[in-house]
PDB file of N, CA and C in Angstrom:
ATOM      1  N   UNK A   1     103.932 151.850  13.072  1.00  0.00           N
ATOM      2  CA  UNK A   1     103.219 150.981  12.151  1.00  0.00           C
ATOM      3  C   UNK A   1     104.190 150.481  11.088  1.00  0.00           C
ATOM      4  N   UNK A   2     104.212 149.196  10.872  1.00  0.00           N
ATOM      5  CA  UNK A   2     105.077 148.606   9.857  1.00  0.00           C
ATOM      6  C   UNK A   2     104.373 148.559   8.512  1.00  0.00           C
ATOM      7  N   UNK A   3     105.129 148.832   7.466  1.00  0.00           N
ATOM      8  CA  UNK A   3     104.558 148.752   6.123  1.00  0.00           C
ATOM      9  C   UNK A   3     104.499 147.287   5.681  1.00  0.00           C
ATOM     10  N   UNK A   4     103.802 147.058   4.608  1.00  0.00           N
ATOM     11  CA  UNK A   4     103.675 145.697   4.067  1.00  0.00           C
ATOM     12  C   UNK A   4     105.043 145.147   3.649  1.00  0.00           C
ATOM     13  N   UNK A   5     105.863 145.993   3.079  1.00  0.00           N
ATOM     14  CA  UNK A   5     107.203 145.580   2.654  1.00  0.00           C
ATOM     15  C   UNK A   5     108.065 145.173   3.853  1.00  0.00           C
ATOM     16  N   UNK A   6     107.961 145.915   4.941  1.00  0.00           N
ATOM     17  CA  UNK A   6     108.716 145.593   6.141  1.00  0.00           C
ATOM     18  C   UNK A   6     108.250 144.277   6.761  1.00  0.00           C
ATOM     19  N   UNK A   7     106.961 144.046   6.760  1.00  0.00           N
ATOM     20  CA  UNK A   7     106.420 142.789   7.291  1.00  0.00           C
ATOM     21  C   UNK A   7     106.876 141.617   6.422  1.00  0.00           C
ATOM     22  N   UNK A   8     106.875 141.798   5.106  1.00  0.00           N
ATOM     23  CA  UNK A   8     107.361 140.746   4.207  1.00  0.00           C
ATOM     24  C   UNK A   8     108.839 140.456   4.453  1.00  0.00           C
ATOM     25  N   UNK A   9     109.623 141.509   4.674  1.00  0.00           N
ATOM     26  CA  UNK A   9     111.045 141.311   4.952  1.00  0.00           C
ATOM     27  C   UNK A   9     111.242 140.542   6.258  1.00  0.00           C
ATOM     28  N   UNK A  10     110.488 140.887   7.300  1.00  0.00           N
ATOM     29  CA  UNK A  10     110.601 140.180   8.576  1.00  0.00           C
ATOM     30  C   UNK A  10     110.268 138.705   8.396  1.00  0.00           C
ATOM     31  N   UNK A  11     109.191 138.410   7.677  1.00  0.00           N
ATOM     32  CA  UNK A  11     108.803 137.013   7.451  1.00  0.00           C
ATOM     33  C   UNK A  11     109.857 136.269   6.642  1.00  0.00           C
ATOM     34  N   UNK A  12     110.355 136.912   5.599  1.00  0.00           N
ATOM     35  CA  UNK A  12     111.373 136.267   4.758  1.00  0.00           C
ATOM     36  C   UNK A  12     112.659 136.035   5.543  1.00  0.00           C
ATOM     37  N   UNK A  13     113.131 137.046   6.250  1.00  0.00           N
ATOM     38  CA  UNK A  13     114.412 136.929   6.952  1.00  0.00           C
ATOM     39  C   UNK A  13     114.324 135.940   8.116  1.00  0.00           C
ATOM     40  N   UNK A  14     113.154 135.841   8.736  1.00  0.00           N
ATOM     41  CA  UNK A  14     112.960 134.858   9.805  1.00  0.00           C
ATOM     42  C   UNK A  14     113.148 133.444   9.260  1.00  0.00           C
ATOM     43  N   UNK A  15     112.678 133.211   8.055  1.00  0.00           N
ATOM     44  CA  UNK A  15     112.763 131.851   7.493  1.00  0.00           C
ATOM     45  C   UNK A  15     114.143 131.517   6.926  1.00  0.00           C
ATOM     46  N   UNK A  16     114.937 132.504   6.505  1.00  0.00           N
ATOM     47  CA  UNK A  16     116.216 132.187   5.848  1.00  0.00           C
ATOM     48  C   UNK A  16     117.459 132.618   6.616  1.00  0.00           C
ATOM     49  N   UNK A  17     117.316 133.286   7.730  1.00  0.00           N
ATOM     50  CA  UNK A  17     118.491 133.868   8.398  1.00  0.00           C
ATOM     51  C   UNK A  17     119.461 132.822   8.903  1.00  0.00           C
ATOM     52  N   UNK A  18     118.991 131.718   9.424  1.00  0.00           N
ATOM     53  CA  UNK A  18     119.892 130.680   9.931  1.00  0.00           C
ATOM     54  C   UNK A  18     120.591 129.976   8.771  1.00  0.00           C
ATOM     55  N   UNK A  19     119.839 129.702   7.718  1.00  0.00           N
ATOM     56  CA  UNK A  19     120.419 129.029   6.551  1.00  0.00           C
ATOM     57  C   UNK A  19     121.479 129.913   5.885  1.00  0.00           C
ATOM     58  N   UNK A  20     121.241 131.208   5.818  1.00  0.00           N
ATOM     59  CA  UNK A  20     122.184 132.123   5.167  1.00  0.00           C
ATOM     60  C   UNK A  20     123.395 132.463   6.043  1.00  0.00           C
ATOM     61  N   UNK A  21     123.374 132.062   7.302  1.00  0.00           N
ATOM     62  CA  UNK A  21     124.472 132.425   8.196  1.00  0.00           C
ATOM     63  C   UNK A  21     125.670 131.485   8.097  1.00  0.00           C
ATOM     64  N   UNK A  22     125.560 130.374   7.398  1.00  0.00           N
ATOM     65  CA  UNK A  22     126.669 129.418   7.306  1.00  0.00           C
ATOM     66  C   UNK A  22     127.712 129.882   6.294  1.00  0.00           C
ATOM     67  N   UNK A  23     128.941 129.401   6.488  1.00  0.00           N
ATOM     68  CA  UNK A  23     130.029 129.759   5.576  1.00  0.00           C
ATOM     69  C   UNK A  23     129.739 129.261   4.167  1.00  0.00           C
ATOM     70  N   UNK A  24     129.265 128.029   4.050  1.00  0.00           N
ATOM     71  CA  UNK A  24     129.030 127.466   2.713  1.00  0.00           C
ATOM     72  C   UNK A  24     127.947 128.232   1.961  1.00  0.00           C
ATOM     73  N   UNK A  25     126.930 128.675   2.670  1.00  0.00           N
ATOM     74  CA  UNK A  25     125.882 129.454   2.024  1.00  0.00           C
ATOM     75  C   UNK A  25     126.411 130.804   1.558  1.00  0.00           C
ATOM     76  N   UNK A  26     127.169 131.464   2.430  1.00  0.00           N
ATOM     77  CA  UNK A  26     127.732 132.765   2.060  1.00  0.00           C
ATOM     78  C   UNK A  26     128.687 132.619   0.888  1.00  0.00           C
ATOM     79  N   UNK A  27     129.510 131.585   0.913  1.00  0.00           N
ATOM     80  CA  UNK A  27     130.473 131.369  -0.165  1.00  0.00           C
ATOM     81  C   UNK A  27     129.775 131.077  -1.484  1.00  0.00           C
ATOM     82  N   UNK A  28     128.808 130.164  -1.469  1.00  0.00           N
ATOM     83  CA  UNK A  28     128.144 129.780  -2.726  1.00  0.00           C
ATOM     84  C   UNK A  28     127.292 130.910  -3.304  1.00  0.00           C
ATOM     85  N   UNK A  29     126.659 131.694  -2.457  1.00  0.00           N
ATOM     86  CA  UNK A  29     125.849 132.799  -2.977  1.00  0.00           C
ATOM     87  C   UNK A  29     126.702 133.966  -3.442  1.00  0.00           C
ATOM     88  N   UNK A  30     127.919 134.105  -2.905  1.00  0.00           N
ATOM     89  CA  UNK A  30     128.806 135.190  -3.306  1.00  0.00           C
ATOM     90  C   UNK A  30     129.745 134.834  -4.433  1.00  0.00           C
ATOM     91  N   UNK A  31     129.802 133.551  -4.781  1.00  0.00           N
ATOM     92  CA  UNK A  31     130.748 133.088  -5.796  1.00  0.00           C
ATOM     93  C   UNK A  31     130.548 133.716  -7.176  1.00  0.00           C
ATOM     94  N   UNK A  32     129.335 133.850  -7.688  1.00  0.00           N
ATOM     95  CA  UNK A  32     129.193 134.461  -9.023  1.00  0.00           C
ATOM     96  C   UNK A  32     129.772 135.871  -9.114  1.00  0.00           C
ATOM     97  N   UNK A  33     129.530 136.707  -8.118  1.00  0.00           N
ATOM     98  CA  UNK A  33     130.058 138.069  -8.159  1.00  0.00           C
ATOM     99  C   UNK A  33     131.573 138.066  -7.984  1.00  0.00           C
ATOM    100  N   UNK A  34     132.079 137.166  -7.171  1.00  0.00           N
ATOM    101  CA  UNK A  34     133.529 137.080  -6.988  1.00  0.00           C
ATOM    102  C   UNK A  34     134.209 136.647  -8.285  1.00  0.00           C
ATOM    103  N   UNK A  35     133.596 135.735  -9.012  1.00  0.00           N
ATOM    104  CA  UNK A  35     134.152 135.320 -10.303  1.00  0.00           C
ATOM    105  C   UNK A  35     134.117 136.477 -11.303  1.00  0.00           C
ATOM    106  N   UNK A  36     133.027 137.218 -11.310  1.00  0.00           N
ATOM    107  CA  UNK A  36     132.958 138.380 -12.194  1.00  0.00           C
ATOM    108  C   UNK A  36     134.009 139.420 -11.828  1.00  0.00           C
ATOM    109  N   UNK A  37     134.317 139.522 -10.556  1.00  0.00           N
ATOM    110  CA  UNK A  37     135.322 140.467 -10.086  1.00  0.00           C
ATOM    111  C   UNK A  37     136.725 140.048 -10.505  1.00  0.00           C
ATOM    112  N   UNK A  38     137.015 138.751 -10.486  1.00  0.00           N
ATOM    113  CA  UNK A  38     138.375 138.279 -10.750  1.00  0.00           C
ATOM    114  C   UNK A  38     138.627 137.856 -12.200  1.00  0.00           C
ATOM    115  N   UNK A  39     137.586 137.608 -12.970  1.00  0.00           N
ATOM    116  CA  UNK A  39     137.787 137.175 -14.355  1.00  0.00           C
ATOM    117  C   UNK A  39     138.526 138.193 -15.227  1.00  0.00           C
ATOM    118  N   UNK A  40     138.275 139.472 -15.132  1.00  0.00           N
ATOM    119  CA  UNK A  40     139.054 140.408 -15.955  1.00  0.00           C
ATOM    120  C   UNK A  40     140.561 140.349 -15.662  1.00  0.00           C
ATOM    121  N   UNK A  41     140.917 140.156 -14.415  1.00  0.00           N
ATOM    122  CA  UNK A  41     142.333 140.034 -14.066  1.00  0.00           C
ATOM    123  C   UNK A  41     142.917 138.789 -14.723  1.00  0.00           C
ATOM    124  N   UNK A  42     142.211 137.688 -14.586  1.00  0.00           N
ATOM    125  CA  UNK A  42     142.673 136.426 -15.159  1.00  0.00           C
ATOM    126  C   UNK A  42     142.766 136.511 -16.682  1.00  0.00           C
ATOM    127  N   UNK A  43     141.736 137.049 -17.334  1.00  0.00           N
ATOM    128  CA  UNK A  43     141.744 137.146 -18.794  1.00  0.00           C
ATOM    129  C   UNK A  43     142.840 138.074 -19.305  1.00  0.00           C
ATOM    130  N   UNK A  44     143.097 139.151 -18.614  1.00  0.00           N
ATOM    131  CA  UNK A  44     144.159 140.042 -19.074  1.00  0.00           C
ATOM    132  C   UNK A  44     145.517 139.355 -18.994  1.00  0.00           C
ATOM    133  N   UNK A  45     145.754 138.602 -17.942  1.00  0.00           N
ATOM    134  CA  UNK A  45     147.015 137.872 -17.833  1.00  0.00           C
ATOM    135  C   UNK A  45     147.143 136.784 -18.888  1.00  0.00           C
ATOM    136  N   UNK A  46     146.059 136.069 -19.132  1.00  0.00           N
ATOM    137  CA  UNK A  46     146.079 135.008 -20.149  1.00  0.00           C
ATOM    138  C   UNK A  46     146.291 135.602 -21.534  1.00  0.00           C
ATOM    139  N   UNK A  47     145.613 136.697 -21.824  1.00  0.00           N
ATOM    140  CA  UNK A  47     145.776 137.322 -23.140  1.00  0.00           C
ATOM    141  C   UNK A  47     147.207 137.812 -23.355  1.00  0.00           C
ATOM    142  N   UNK A  48     147.795 138.431 -22.366  1.00  0.00           N
ATOM    143  CA  UNK A  48     149.181 138.894 -22.505  1.00  0.00           C
ATOM    144  C   UNK A  48     150.114 137.703 -22.663  1.00  0.00           C
ATOM    145  N   UNK A  49     149.869 136.656 -21.890  1.00  0.00           N
ATOM    146  CA  UNK A  49     150.746 135.484 -21.925  1.00  0.00           C
ATOM    147  C   UNK A  49     150.674 134.773 -23.276  1.00  0.00           C
ATOM    148  N   UNK A  50     149.467 134.628 -23.854  1.00  0.00           N
ATOM    149  CA  UNK A  50     149.328 133.885 -25.101  1.00  0.00           C
ATOM    150  C   UNK A  50     149.461 134.747 -26.353  1.00  0.00           C
ATOM    151  N   UNK A  51     149.037 135.988 -26.321  1.00  0.00           N
ATOM    152  CA  UNK A  51     149.100 136.822 -27.515  1.00  0.00           C
ATOM    153  C   UNK A  51     150.464 137.477 -27.714  1.00  0.00           C
ATOM    154  N   UNK A  52     151.188 137.650 -26.642  1.00  0.00           N
ATOM    155  CA  UNK A  52     152.498 138.275 -26.759  1.00  0.00           C
ATOM    156  C   UNK A  52     153.506 137.563 -25.834  1.00  0.00           C
ATOM    157  N   UNK A  53     153.817 136.290 -26.144  1.00  0.00           N
ATOM    158  CA  UNK A  53     154.675 135.532 -25.232  1.00  0.00           C
ATOM    159  C   UNK A  53     156.105 136.072 -25.148  1.00  0.00           C
ATOM    160  N   UNK A  54     156.630 136.617 -26.236  1.00  0.00           N
ATOM    161  CA  UNK A  54     157.999 137.137 -26.170  1.00  0.00           C
ATOM    162  C   UNK A  54     158.091 138.363 -25.267  1.00  0.00           C
ATOM    163  N   UNK A  55     157.079 139.197 -25.275  1.00  0.00           N
ATOM    164  CA  UNK A  55     157.065 140.349 -24.380  1.00  0.00           C
ATOM    165  C   UNK A  55     156.966 139.888 -22.929  1.00  0.00           C
ATOM    166  N   UNK A  56     156.114 138.889 -22.694  1.00  0.00           N
ATOM    167  CA  UNK A  56     155.923 138.398 -21.332  1.00  0.00           C
ATOM    168  C   UNK A  56     157.204 137.771 -20.792  1.00  0.00           C
ATOM    169  N   UNK A  57     157.911 137.011 -21.600  1.00  0.00           N
ATOM    170  CA  UNK A  57     159.148 136.374 -21.119  1.00  0.00           C
ATOM    171  C   UNK A  57     160.276 137.390 -20.971  1.00  0.00           C
ATOM    172  N   UNK A  58     160.265 138.458 -21.765  1.00  0.00           N
ATOM    173  CA  UNK A  58     161.268 139.511 -21.577  1.00  0.00           C
ATOM    174  C   UNK A  58     161.070 140.209 -20.234  1.00  0.00           C
ATOM    175  N   UNK A  59     159.824 140.439 -19.894  1.00  0.00           N
ATOM    176  CA  UNK A  59     159.518 141.128 -18.649  1.00  0.00           C
ATOM    177  C   UNK A  59     159.783 140.210 -17.453  1.00  0.00           C
ATOM    178  N   UNK A  60     159.371 138.961 -17.561  1.00  0.00           N
ATOM    179  CA  UNK A  60     159.476 138.045 -16.436  1.00  0.00           C
ATOM    180  C   UNK A  60     160.272 136.815 -16.839  1.00  0.00           C
ATOM    181  N   UNK A  61     161.410 136.603 -16.226  1.00  0.00           N
ATOM    182  CA  UNK A  61     162.225 135.424 -16.522  1.00  0.00           C
ATOM    183  C   UNK A  61     161.691 134.187 -15.800  1.00  0.00           C
ATOM    184  N   UNK A  62     160.815 134.379 -14.834  1.00  0.00           N
ATOM    185  CA  UNK A  62     160.243 133.271 -14.082  1.00  0.00           C
ATOM    186  C   UNK A  62     158.760 133.139 -14.418  1.00  0.00           C
ATOM    187  N   UNK A  63     158.417 133.007 -15.670  1.00  0.00           N
ATOM    188  CA  UNK A  63     157.019 133.050 -16.088  1.00  0.00           C
ATOM    189  C   UNK A  63     156.189 131.915 -15.498  1.00  0.00           C
ATOM    190  N   UNK A  64     156.715 130.713 -15.461  1.00  0.00           N
ATOM    191  CA  UNK A  64     155.900 129.587 -15.007  1.00  0.00           C
ATOM    192  C   UNK A  64     155.618 129.686 -13.499  1.00  0.00           C
ATOM    193  N   UNK A  65     156.588 130.049 -12.703  1.00  0.00           N
ATOM    194  CA  UNK A  65     156.375 130.165 -11.264  1.00  0.00           C
ATOM    195  C   UNK A  65     155.451 131.293 -10.897  1.00  0.00           C
ATOM    196  N   UNK A  66     155.583 132.397 -11.577  1.00  0.00           N
ATOM    197  CA  UNK A  66     154.720 133.543 -11.278  1.00  0.00           C
ATOM    198  C   UNK A  66     153.292 133.306 -11.721  1.00  0.00           C
ATOM    199  N   UNK A  67     153.110 132.602 -12.818  1.00  0.00           N
ATOM    200  CA  UNK A  67     151.745 132.358 -13.277  1.00  0.00           C
ATOM    201  C   UNK A  67     150.989 131.483 -12.280  1.00  0.00           C
ATOM    202  N   UNK A  68     151.682 130.516 -11.692  1.00  0.00           N
ATOM    203  CA  UNK A  68     151.028 129.679 -10.678  1.00  0.00           C
ATOM    204  C   UNK A  68     150.695 130.508  -9.438  1.00  0.00           C
ATOM    205  N   UNK A  69     151.586 131.398  -9.071  1.00  0.00           N
ATOM    206  CA  UNK A  69     151.336 132.263  -7.918  1.00  0.00           C
ATOM    207  C   UNK A  69     150.146 133.190  -8.187  1.00  0.00           C
ATOM    208  N   UNK A  70     150.023 133.659  -9.413  1.00  0.00           N
ATOM    209  CA  UNK A  70     148.903 134.532  -9.771  1.00  0.00           C
ATOM    210  C   UNK A  70     147.589 133.766  -9.705  1.00  0.00           C
ATOM    211  N   UNK A  71     147.584 132.524 -10.177  1.00  0.00           N
ATOM    212  CA  UNK A  71     146.363 131.710 -10.124  1.00  0.00           C
ATOM    213  C   UNK A  71     145.970 131.441  -8.670  1.00  0.00           C
ATOM    214  N   UNK A  72     146.939 131.102  -7.834  1.00  0.00           N
ATOM    215  CA  UNK A  72     146.646 130.872  -6.411  1.00  0.00           C
ATOM    216  C   UNK A  72     146.128 132.158  -5.770  1.00  0.00           C
ATOM    217  N   UNK A  73     146.720 133.281  -6.117  1.00  0.00           N
ATOM    218  CA  UNK A  73     146.249 134.566  -5.582  1.00  0.00           C
ATOM    219  C   UNK A  73     144.817 134.855  -6.009  1.00  0.00           C
ATOM    220  N   UNK A  74     144.492 134.557  -7.253  1.00  0.00           N
ATOM    221  CA  UNK A  74     143.125 134.784  -7.727  1.00  0.00           C
ATOM    222  C   UNK A  74     142.134 133.886  -7.006  1.00  0.00           C
ATOM    223  N   UNK A  75     142.521 132.652  -6.733  1.00  0.00           N
ATOM    224  CA  UNK A  75     141.632 131.752  -5.995  1.00  0.00           C
ATOM    225  C   UNK A  75     141.400 132.289  -4.583  1.00  0.00           C
ATOM    226  N   UNK A  76     142.447 132.783  -3.948  1.00  0.00           N
ATOM    227  CA  UNK A  76     142.306 133.367  -2.606  1.00  0.00           C
ATOM    228  C   UNK A  76     141.411 134.603  -2.664  1.00  0.00           C
ATOM    229  N   UNK A  77     141.584 135.422  -3.679  1.00  0.00           N
ATOM    230  CA  UNK A  77     140.745 136.613  -3.842  1.00  0.00           C
ATOM    231  C   UNK A  77     139.287 136.211  -4.030  1.00  0.00           C
ATOM    232  N   UNK A  78     139.039 135.189  -4.839  1.00  0.00           N
ATOM    233  CA  UNK A  78     137.668 134.734  -5.085  1.00  0.00           C
ATOM    234  C   UNK A  78     137.019 134.259  -3.790  1.00  0.00           C
ATOM    235  N   UNK A  79     137.740 133.444  -3.023  1.00  0.00           N
ATOM    236  CA  UNK A  79     137.191 132.934  -1.762  1.00  0.00           C
ATOM    237  C   UNK A  79     136.917 134.080  -0.797  1.00  0.00           C
ATOM    238  N   UNK A  80     137.880 134.973  -0.646  1.00  0.00           N
ATOM    239  CA  UNK A  80     137.735 136.093   0.280  1.00  0.00           C
ATOM    240  C   UNK A  80     136.592 137.015  -0.133  1.00  0.00           C
ATOM    241  N   UNK A  81     136.566 137.404  -1.403  1.00  0.00           N
ATOM    242  CA  UNK A  81     135.561 138.352  -1.878  1.00  0.00           C
ATOM    243  C   UNK A  81     134.162 137.766  -1.766  1.00  0.00           C
ATOM    244  N   UNK A  82     133.999 136.490  -2.142  1.00  0.00           N
ATOM    245  CA  UNK A  82     132.665 135.900  -2.097  1.00  0.00           C
ATOM    246  C   UNK A  82     132.152 135.812  -0.670  1.00  0.00           C
ATOM    247  N   UNK A  83     133.008 135.400   0.273  1.00  0.00           N
ATOM    248  CA  UNK A  83     132.558 135.294   1.662  1.00  0.00           C
ATOM    249  C   UNK A  83     132.300 136.661   2.283  1.00  0.00           C
ATOM    250  N   UNK A  84     133.246 137.575   2.138  1.00  0.00           N
ATOM    251  CA  UNK A  84     133.124 138.877   2.810  1.00  0.00           C
ATOM    252  C   UNK A  84     131.938 139.664   2.262  1.00  0.00           C
ATOM    253  N   UNK A  85     131.719 139.605   0.976  1.00  0.00           N
ATOM    254  CA  UNK A  85     130.596 140.337   0.380  1.00  0.00           C
ATOM    255  C   UNK A  85     129.263 139.836   0.936  1.00  0.00           C
ATOM    256  N   UNK A  86     129.101 138.510   0.981  1.00  0.00           N
ATOM    257  CA  UNK A  86     127.839 137.979   1.465  1.00  0.00           C
ATOM    258  C   UNK A  86     127.718 138.084   2.983  1.00  0.00           C
ATOM    259  N   UNK A  87     128.831 138.054   3.691  1.00  0.00           N
ATOM    260  CA  UNK A  87     128.774 138.255   5.136  1.00  0.00           C
ATOM    261  C   UNK A  87     128.337 139.692   5.442  1.00  0.00           C
ATOM    262  N   UNK A  88     128.856 140.645   4.692  1.00  0.00           N
ATOM    263  CA  UNK A  88     128.435 142.036   4.849  1.00  0.00           C
ATOM    264  C   UNK A  88     126.942 142.168   4.557  1.00  0.00           C
ATOM    265  N   UNK A  89     126.490 141.520   3.488  1.00  0.00           N
ATOM    266  CA  UNK A  89     125.072 141.524   3.137  1.00  0.00           C
ATOM    267  C   UNK A  89     124.228 140.938   4.269  1.00  0.00           C
ATOM    268  N   UNK A  90     124.691 139.805   4.822  1.00  0.00           N
ATOM    269  CA  UNK A  90     123.967 139.144   5.896  1.00  0.00           C
ATOM    270  C   UNK A  90     123.893 140.062   7.120  1.00  0.00           C
ATOM    271  N   UNK A  91     125.002 140.717   7.448  1.00  0.00           N
ATOM    272  CA  UNK A  91     125.022 141.620   8.595  1.00  0.00           C
ATOM    273  C   UNK A  91     124.059 142.791   8.402  1.00  0.00           C
ATOM    274  N   UNK A  92     124.006 143.334   7.211  1.00  0.00           N
ATOM    275  CA  UNK A  92     123.088 144.447   6.935  1.00  0.00           C
ATOM    276  C   UNK A  92     121.637 143.992   7.073  1.00  0.00           C
ATOM    277  N   UNK A  93     121.306 142.824   6.528  1.00  0.00           N
ATOM    278  CA  UNK A  93     119.944 142.296   6.649  1.00  0.00           C
ATOM    279  C   UNK A  93     119.602 141.976   8.100  1.00  0.00           C
ATOM    280  N   UNK A  94     120.557 141.428   8.834  1.00  0.00           N
ATOM    281  CA  UNK A  94     120.327 141.110  10.243  1.00  0.00           C
ATOM    282  C   UNK A  94     120.075 142.385  11.045  1.00  0.00           C
ATOM    283  N   UNK A  95     120.832 143.423  10.774  1.00  0.00           N
ATOM    284  CA  UNK A  95     120.639 144.701  11.468  1.00  0.00           C
ATOM    285  C   UNK A  95     119.263 145.276  11.159  1.00  0.00           C
ATOM    286  N   UNK A  96     118.867 145.248   9.884  1.00  0.00           N
ATOM    287  CA  UNK A  96     117.543 145.756   9.513  1.00  0.00           C
ATOM    288  C   UNK A  96     116.447 144.919  10.173  1.00  0.00           C
ATOM    289  N   UNK A  97     116.632 143.610  10.222  1.00  0.00           N
ATOM    290  CA  UNK A  97     115.668 142.708  10.855  1.00  0.00           C
ATOM    291  C   UNK A  97     115.499 143.035  12.337  1.00  0.00           C
ATOM    292  N   UNK A  98     116.610 143.208  13.044  1.00  0.00           N
ATOM    293  CA  UNK A  98     116.533 143.511  14.474  1.00  0.00           C
ATOM    294  C   UNK A  98     115.895 144.869  14.722  1.00  0.00           C
ATOM    295  N   UNK A  99     116.195 145.848  13.878  1.00  0.00           N
ATOM    296  CA  UNK A  99     115.579 147.170  14.020  1.00  0.00           C
ATOM    297  C   UNK A  99     114.074 147.108  13.778  1.00  0.00           C
ATOM    298  N   UNK A 100     113.670 146.331  12.765  1.00  0.00           N
ATOM    299  CA  UNK A 100     112.239 146.206  12.489  1.00  0.00           C
ATOM    300  C   UNK A 100     111.516 145.458  13.601  1.00  0.00           C
ATOM    301  N   UNK A 101     112.172 144.472  14.200  1.00  0.00           N
ATOM    302  CA  UNK A 101     111.563 143.770  15.332  1.00  0.00           C
ATOM    303  C   UNK A 101     111.368 144.710  16.515  1.00  0.00           C
ATOM    304  N   UNK A 102     112.359 145.574  16.750  1.00  0.00           N
ATOM    305  CA  UNK A 102     112.218 146.568  17.827  1.00  0.00           C
ATOM    306  C   UNK A 102     111.078 147.543  17.523  1.00  0.00           C
ATOM    307  N   UNK A 103     111.002 147.968  16.279  1.00  0.00           N
ATOM    308  CA  UNK A 103     109.930 148.885  15.873  1.00  0.00           C
ATOM    309  C   UNK A 103     108.563 148.216  16.059  1.00  0.00           C
ATOM    310  N   UNK A 104     108.477 146.945  15.669  1.00  0.00           N
ATOM    311  CA  UNK A 104     107.224 146.201  15.817  1.00  0.00           C
ATOM    312  C   UNK A 104     106.887 146.023  17.295  1.00  0.00           C
ATOM    313  N   UNK A 105     107.887 145.740  18.100  1.00  0.00           N
ATOM    314  CA  UNK A 105     107.682 145.556  19.542  1.00  0.00           C
ATOM    315  C   UNK A 105     107.176 146.850  20.186  1.00  0.00           C
ATOM    316  N   UNK A 106     107.773 147.979  19.816  1.00  0.00           N
ATOM    317  CA  UNK A 106     107.326 149.275  20.353  1.00  0.00           C
ATOM    318  C   UNK A 106     105.905 149.591  19.920  1.00  0.00           C
ATOM    319  N   UNK A 107     105.595 149.296  18.647  1.00  0.00           N
ATOM    320  CA  UNK A 107     104.248 149.566  18.148  1.00  0.00           C
ATOM    321  C   UNK A 107     103.234 148.688  18.867  1.00  0.00           C
ATOM    322  N   UNK A 108     103.569 147.417  19.066  1.00  0.00           N
ATOM    323  CA  UNK A 108     102.651 146.511  19.758  1.00  0.00           C
ATOM    324  C   UNK A 108     102.437 146.934  21.204  1.00  0.00           C
ATOM    325  N   UNK A 109     103.509 147.364  21.869  1.00  0.00           N
ATOM    326  CA  UNK A 109     103.362 147.792  23.265  1.00  0.00           C
ATOM    327  C   UNK A 109     102.564 149.094  23.362  1.00  0.00           C
ATOM    328  N   UNK A 110     102.761 150.004  22.408  1.00  0.00           N
ATOM    329  CA  UNK A 110     101.993 151.265  22.400  1.00  0.00           C
ATOM    330  C   UNK A 110     100.519 151.007  22.123  1.00  0.00           C
ATOM    331  N   UNK A 111     100.224 150.100  21.210  1.00  0.00           N
ATOM    332  CA  UNK A 111      98.823 149.818  20.896  1.00  0.00           C
ATOM    333  C   UNK A 111      98.144 149.103  22.063  1.00  0.00           C
ATOM    334  N   UNK A 112      98.905 148.294  22.817  1.00  0.00           N
ATOM    335  CA  UNK A 112      98.349 147.627  23.996  1.00  0.00           C
ATOM    336  C   UNK A 112      98.038 148.640  25.082  1.00  0.00           C
ATOM    337  N   UNK A 113      98.945 149.588  25.278  1.00  0.00           N
ATOM    338  CA  UNK A 113      98.747 150.629  26.302  1.00  0.00           C
ATOM    339  C   UNK A 113      97.562 151.518  25.930  1.00  0.00           C
ATOM    340  N   UNK A 114      97.452 151.864  24.650  1.00  0.00           N
ATOM    341  CA  UNK A 114      96.322 152.712  24.211  1.00  0.00           C
ATOM    342  C   UNK A 114      95.006 151.943  24.314  1.00  0.00           C
ATOM    343  N   UNK A 115      95.067 150.629  24.059  1.00  0.00           N
ATOM    344  CA  UNK A 115      93.851 149.810  24.175  1.00  0.00           C
ATOM    345  C   UNK A 115      93.366 149.736  25.606  1.00  0.00           C
ATOM    346  N   UNK A 116      94.272 149.681  26.568  1.00  0.00           N
ATOM    347  CA  UNK A 116      93.895 149.629  27.975  1.00  0.00           C
ATOM    348  C   UNK A 116      93.369 150.974  28.463  1.00  0.00           C
ATOM    349  N   UNK A 117      93.880 152.080  27.896  1.00  0.00           N
ATOM    350  CA  UNK A 117      93.462 153.411  28.305  1.00  0.00           C
ATOM    351  C   UNK A 117      92.037 153.696  27.864  1.00  0.00           C
ATOM    352  N   UNK A 118      91.648 153.096  26.786  1.00  0.00           N
ATOM    353  CA  UNK A 118      90.299 153.375  26.274  1.00  0.00           C
ATOM    354  C   UNK A 118      89.319 152.512  26.954  1.00  0.00           C
TER     355      UNK A 118
END
C-alpha cells in the first residue's frame, strides 16, 4: 500500500522528470548552491588581493596571470558543481520513482489476485 506522500511524489515526478533531465535545467537549478559554494573562495582571494596587495605581490610575482586562472577555475567549479549536484539529485529521485512504481505494480497485482480469489 502506498502512502499519500508516495502517491504525491509519483504524480509530481511523472510531470517534471523529463523537464528536469536536461542539462540546462540541471545547471540552472544547481547554480545558486554552486555560487554559494564558490563565493567564499572568490571573496577570500579578492580580500587578500585588495586589502594586502604588497603581501600578495611578494608571494606571487605573476599576480595578474594567476588571478585570471583562478577566476577561470572558479567558473569551471561552478559549472561542474551545479550540474553534478542536480544530476545526483535527479538520479536519486528517479530511483525512488522507479522503486515506488514497482511497489505500486506489486500491490495492484496482489489486490487483483486477491479479488479473483474471493
